[in-house]
Amino acid sequence: EKQTDLIILTHDTVEGRMMAALVQMQALPTVLAPIVRIRKEELS
């Protein structure tokens, strides 16, 4: 089997909704490692 890393950059979103989506993705049988989230914020 081949594996790869996946980076997803989203538009501004509600954090709770993003966390709910990550929980669903982590539960998928094809996700083999823990999901790591890195917050990108704009500095003014």
PDB file of N, CA and C in Angstrom:
ATOM      1  N   GLU A   1       0.835  -1.186   0.000  1.00  0.00           N
ATOM      2  CA  GLU A   1       0.000   0.000   0.000  1.00  0.00           C
ATOM      3  C   GLU A   1       0.876   1.245   0.000  1.00  0.00           C
ATOM      4  N   LYS A   2       0.409   2.258  -0.674  1.00  0.00           N
ATOM      5  CA  LYS A   2       1.120   3.531  -0.689  1.00  0.00           C
ATOM      6  C   LYS A   2       0.407   4.504   0.240  1.00  0.00           C
ATOM      7  N   GLN A   3       1.188   5.344   0.881  1.00  0.00           N
ATOM      8  CA  GLN A   3       0.641   6.353   1.780  1.00  0.00           C
ATOM      9  C   GLN A   3       1.167   7.713   1.370  1.00  0.00           C
ATOM     10  N   THR A   4       0.429   8.750   1.730  1.00  0.00           N
ATOM     11  CA  THR A   4       0.870  10.111   1.456  1.00  0.00           C
ATOM     12  C   THR A   4       0.331  11.036   2.530  1.00  0.00           C
ATOM     13  N   ASP A   5       0.979  12.164   2.684  1.00  0.00           N
ATOM     14  CA  ASP A   5       0.472  13.210   3.566  1.00  0.00           C
ATOM     15  C   ASP A   5      -0.475  14.083   2.769  1.00  0.00           C
ATOM     16  N   LEU A   6      -1.436  14.663   3.452  1.00  0.00           N
ATOM     17  CA  LEU A   6      -2.411  15.532   2.808  1.00  0.00           C
ATOM     18  C   LEU A   6      -2.499  16.821   3.604  1.00  0.00           C
ATOM     19  N   ILE A   7      -2.363  17.942   2.922  1.00  0.00           N
ATOM     20  CA  ILE A   7      -2.485  19.260   3.551  1.00  0.00           C
ATOM     21  C   ILE A   7      -3.734  19.916   2.994  1.00  0.00           C
ATOM     22  N   ILE A   8      -4.602  20.388   3.893  1.00  0.00           N
ATOM     23  CA  ILE A   8      -5.841  21.056   3.483  1.00  0.00           C
ATOM     24  C   ILE A   8      -5.814  22.470   4.052  1.00  0.00           C
ATOM     25  N   LEU A   9      -5.945  23.459   3.194  1.00  0.00           N
ATOM     26  CA  LEU A   9      -6.027  24.855   3.611  1.00  0.00           C
ATOM     27  C   LEU A   9      -7.439  25.320   3.314  1.00  0.00           C
ATOM     28  N   THR A  10      -8.146  25.784   4.338  1.00  0.00           N
ATOM     29  CA  THR A  10      -9.541  26.190   4.156  1.00  0.00           C
ATOM     30  C   THR A  10      -9.674  27.706   4.199  1.00  0.00           C
ATOM     31  N   HIS A  11     -10.827  28.164   3.816  1.00  0.00           N
ATOM     32  CA  HIS A  11     -11.181  29.568   3.998  1.00  0.00           C
ATOM     33  C   HIS A  11     -11.510  29.768   5.472  1.00  0.00           C
ATOM     34  N   ASP A  12     -11.798  30.996   5.881  1.00  0.00           N
ATOM     35  CA  ASP A  12     -12.203  31.248   7.263  1.00  0.00           C
ATOM     36  C   ASP A  12     -13.423  30.394   7.575  1.00  0.00           C
ATOM     37  N   THR A  13     -13.419  29.786   8.751  1.00  0.00           N
ATOM     38  CA  THR A  13     -14.516  28.901   9.122  1.00  0.00           C
ATOM     39  C   THR A  13     -14.719  28.913  10.629  1.00  0.00           C
ATOM     40  N   VAL A  14     -15.845  28.402  11.057  1.00  0.00           N
ATOM     41  CA  VAL A  14     -16.140  28.288  12.485  1.00  0.00           C
ATOM     42  C   VAL A  14     -15.329  27.111  13.036  1.00  0.00           C
ATOM     43  N   GLU A  15     -14.577  27.350  14.104  1.00  0.00           N
ATOM     44  CA  GLU A  15     -13.669  26.323  14.617  1.00  0.00           C
ATOM     45  C   GLU A  15     -14.402  25.035  14.993  1.00  0.00           C
ATOM     46  N   GLY A  16     -15.562  25.148  15.597  1.00  0.00           N
ATOM     47  CA  GLY A  16     -16.314  23.959  15.996  1.00  0.00           C
ATOM     48  C   GLY A  16     -16.688  23.083  14.819  1.00  0.00           C
ATOM     49  N   ARG A  17     -17.035  23.712  13.715  1.00  0.00           N
ATOM     50  CA  ARG A  17     -17.373  22.943  12.513  1.00  0.00           C
ATOM     51  C   ARG A  17     -16.140  22.255  11.941  1.00  0.00           C
ATOM     52  N   MET A  18     -15.019  22.945  11.995  1.00  0.00           N
ATOM     53  CA  MET A  18     -13.784  22.337  11.505  1.00  0.00           C
ATOM     54  C   MET A  18     -13.399  21.148  12.368  1.00  0.00           C
ATOM     55  N   MET A  19     -13.520  21.299  13.677  1.00  0.00           N
ATOM     56  CA  MET A  19     -13.193  20.200  14.583  1.00  0.00           C
ATOM     57  C   MET A  19     -14.113  19.006  14.347  1.00  0.00           C
ATOM     58  N   ALA A  20     -15.400  19.266  14.112  1.00  0.00           N
ATOM     59  CA  ALA A  20     -16.345  18.179  13.834  1.00  0.00           C
ATOM     60  C   ALA A  20     -15.958  17.443  12.555  1.00  0.00           C
ATOM     61  N   ALA A  21     -15.533  18.187  11.547  1.00  0.00           N
ATOM     62  CA  ALA A  21     -15.107  17.567  10.290  1.00  0.00           C
ATOM     63  C   ALA A  21     -13.846  16.733  10.503  1.00  0.00           C
ATOM     64  N   LEU A  22     -12.927  17.222  11.319  1.00  0.00           N
ATOM     65  CA  LEU A  22     -11.699  16.475  11.588  1.00  0.00           C
ATOM     66  C   LEU A  22     -11.990  15.171  12.330  1.00  0.00           C
ATOM     67  N   VAL A  23     -12.940  15.205  13.247  1.00  0.00           N
ATOM     68  CA  VAL A  23     -13.335  13.986  13.964  1.00  0.00           C
ATOM     69  C   VAL A  23     -13.876  12.959  12.979  1.00  0.00           C
ATOM     70  N   GLN A  24     -14.700  13.421  12.047  1.00  0.00           N
ATOM     71  CA  GLN A  24     -15.256  12.503  11.046  1.00  0.00           C
ATOM     72  C   GLN A  24     -14.157  11.941  10.144  1.00  0.00           C
ATOM     73  N   MET A  25     -13.237  12.803   9.734  1.00  0.00           N
ATOM     74  CA  MET A  25     -12.144  12.330   8.876  1.00  0.00           C
ATOM     75  C   MET A  25     -11.257  11.334   9.615  1.00  0.00           C
ATOM     76  N   GLN A  26     -10.961  11.614  10.887  1.00  0.00           N
ATOM     77  CA  GLN A  26     -10.101  10.724  11.663  1.00  0.00           C
ATOM     78  C   GLN A  26     -10.722   9.338  11.811  1.00  0.00           C
ATOM     79  N   ALA A  27     -12.041   9.263  11.815  1.00  0.00           N
ATOM     80  CA  ALA A  27     -12.742   7.986  11.974  1.00  0.00           C
ATOM     81  C   ALA A  27     -12.730   7.133  10.704  1.00  0.00           C
ATOM     82  N   LEU A  28     -12.326   7.703   9.582  1.00  0.00           N
ATOM     83  CA  LEU A  28     -12.301   6.942   8.331  1.00  0.00           C
ATOM     84  C   LEU A  28     -11.246   5.835   8.403  1.00  0.00           C
ATOM     85  N   PRO A  29     -11.562   4.664   7.885  1.00  0.00           N
ATOM     86  CA  PRO A  29     -10.605   3.558   7.959  1.00  0.00           C
ATOM     87  C   PRO A  29      -9.336   3.783   7.131  1.00  0.00           C
ATOM     88  N   THR A  30      -9.383   4.698   6.198  1.00  0.00           N
ATOM     89  CA  THR A  30      -8.210   4.961   5.358  1.00  0.00           C
ATOM     90  C   THR A  30      -7.258   5.987   5.970  1.00  0.00           C
ATOM     91  N   VAL A  31      -7.670   6.639   7.059  1.00  0.00           N
ATOM     92  CA  VAL A  31      -6.791   7.588   7.754  1.00  0.00           C
ATOM     93  C   VAL A  31      -5.977   6.779   8.760  1.00  0.00           C
ATOM     94  N   LEU A  32      -4.681   6.662   8.512  1.00  0.00           N
ATOM     95  CA  LEU A  32      -3.837   5.739   9.266  1.00  0.00           C
ATOM     96  C   LEU A  32      -3.080   6.383  10.421  1.00  0.00           C
ATOM     97  N   ALA A  33      -2.981   7.693  10.426  1.00  0.00           N
ATOM     98  CA  ALA A  33      -2.223   8.381  11.472  1.00  0.00           C
ATOM     99  C   ALA A  33      -3.091   9.480  12.078  1.00  0.00           C
ATOM    100  N   PRO A  34      -2.728   9.936  13.269  1.00  0.00           N
ATOM    101  CA  PRO A  34      -3.491  11.030  13.876  1.00  0.00           C
ATOM    102  C   PRO A  34      -3.432  12.289  13.008  1.00  0.00           C
ATOM    103  N   ILE A  35      -4.543  12.989  12.933  1.00  0.00           N
ATOM    104  CA  ILE A  35      -4.602  14.252  12.196  1.00  0.00           C
ATOM    105  C   ILE A  35      -3.938  15.339  13.037  1.00  0.00           C
ATOM    106  N   VAL A  36      -3.116  16.137  12.397  1.00  0.00           N
ATOM    107  CA  VAL A  36      -2.452  17.262  13.051  1.00  0.00           C
ATOM    108  C   VAL A  36      -3.030  18.538  12.468  1.00  0.00           C
ATOM    109  N   ARG A  37      -3.454  19.434  13.339  1.00  0.00           N
ATOM    110  CA  ARG A  37      -4.035  20.696  12.885  1.00  0.00           C
ATOM    111  C   ARG A  37      -3.071  21.831  13.214  1.00  0.00           C
ATOM    112  N   ILE A  38      -2.808  22.668  12.236  1.00  0.00           N
ATOM    113  CA  ILE A  38      -1.979  23.857  12.430  1.00  0.00           C
ATOM    114  C   ILE A  38      -2.817  25.063  12.035  1.00  0.00           C
ATOM    115  N   ARG A  39      -3.009  25.965  12.968  1.00  0.00           N
ATOM    116  CA  ARG A  39      -3.823  27.152  12.706  1.00  0.00           C
ATOM    117  C   ARG A  39      -2.977  28.215  12.011  1.00  0.00           C
ATOM    118  N   LYS A  40      -3.508  28.749  10.926  1.00  0.00           N
ATOM    119  CA  LYS A  40      -2.861  29.847  10.212  1.00  0.00           C
ATOM    120  C   LYS A  40      -3.697  31.091  10.460  1.00  0.00           C
ATOM    121  N   GLU A  41      -3.105  32.085  11.048  1.00  0.00           N
ATOM    122  CA  GLU A  41      -3.817  33.332  11.309  1.00  0.00           C
ATOM    123  C   GLU A  41      -3.102  34.476  10.613  1.00  0.00           C
ATOM    124  N   GLU A  42      -3.885  35.451  10.212  1.00  0.00           N
ATOM    125  CA  GLU A  42      -3.299  36.645   9.613  1.00  0.00           C
ATOM    126  C   GLU A  42      -2.960  37.635  10.714  1.00  0.00           C
ATOM    127  N   LEU A  43      -1.794  38.236  10.610  1.00  0.00           N
ATOM    128  CA  LEU A  43      -1.382  39.249  11.569  1.00  0.00           C
ATOM    129  C   LEU A  43      -1.530  40.618  10.928  1.00  0.00           C
ATOM    130  N   SER A  44      -2.145  41.528  11.656  1.00  0.00           N
ATOM    131  CA  SER A  44      -2.353  42.877  11.116  1.00  0.00           C
ATOM    132  C   SER A  44      -1.246  43.799  11.549  1.00  0.00           C
TER     133      SER A  44
END
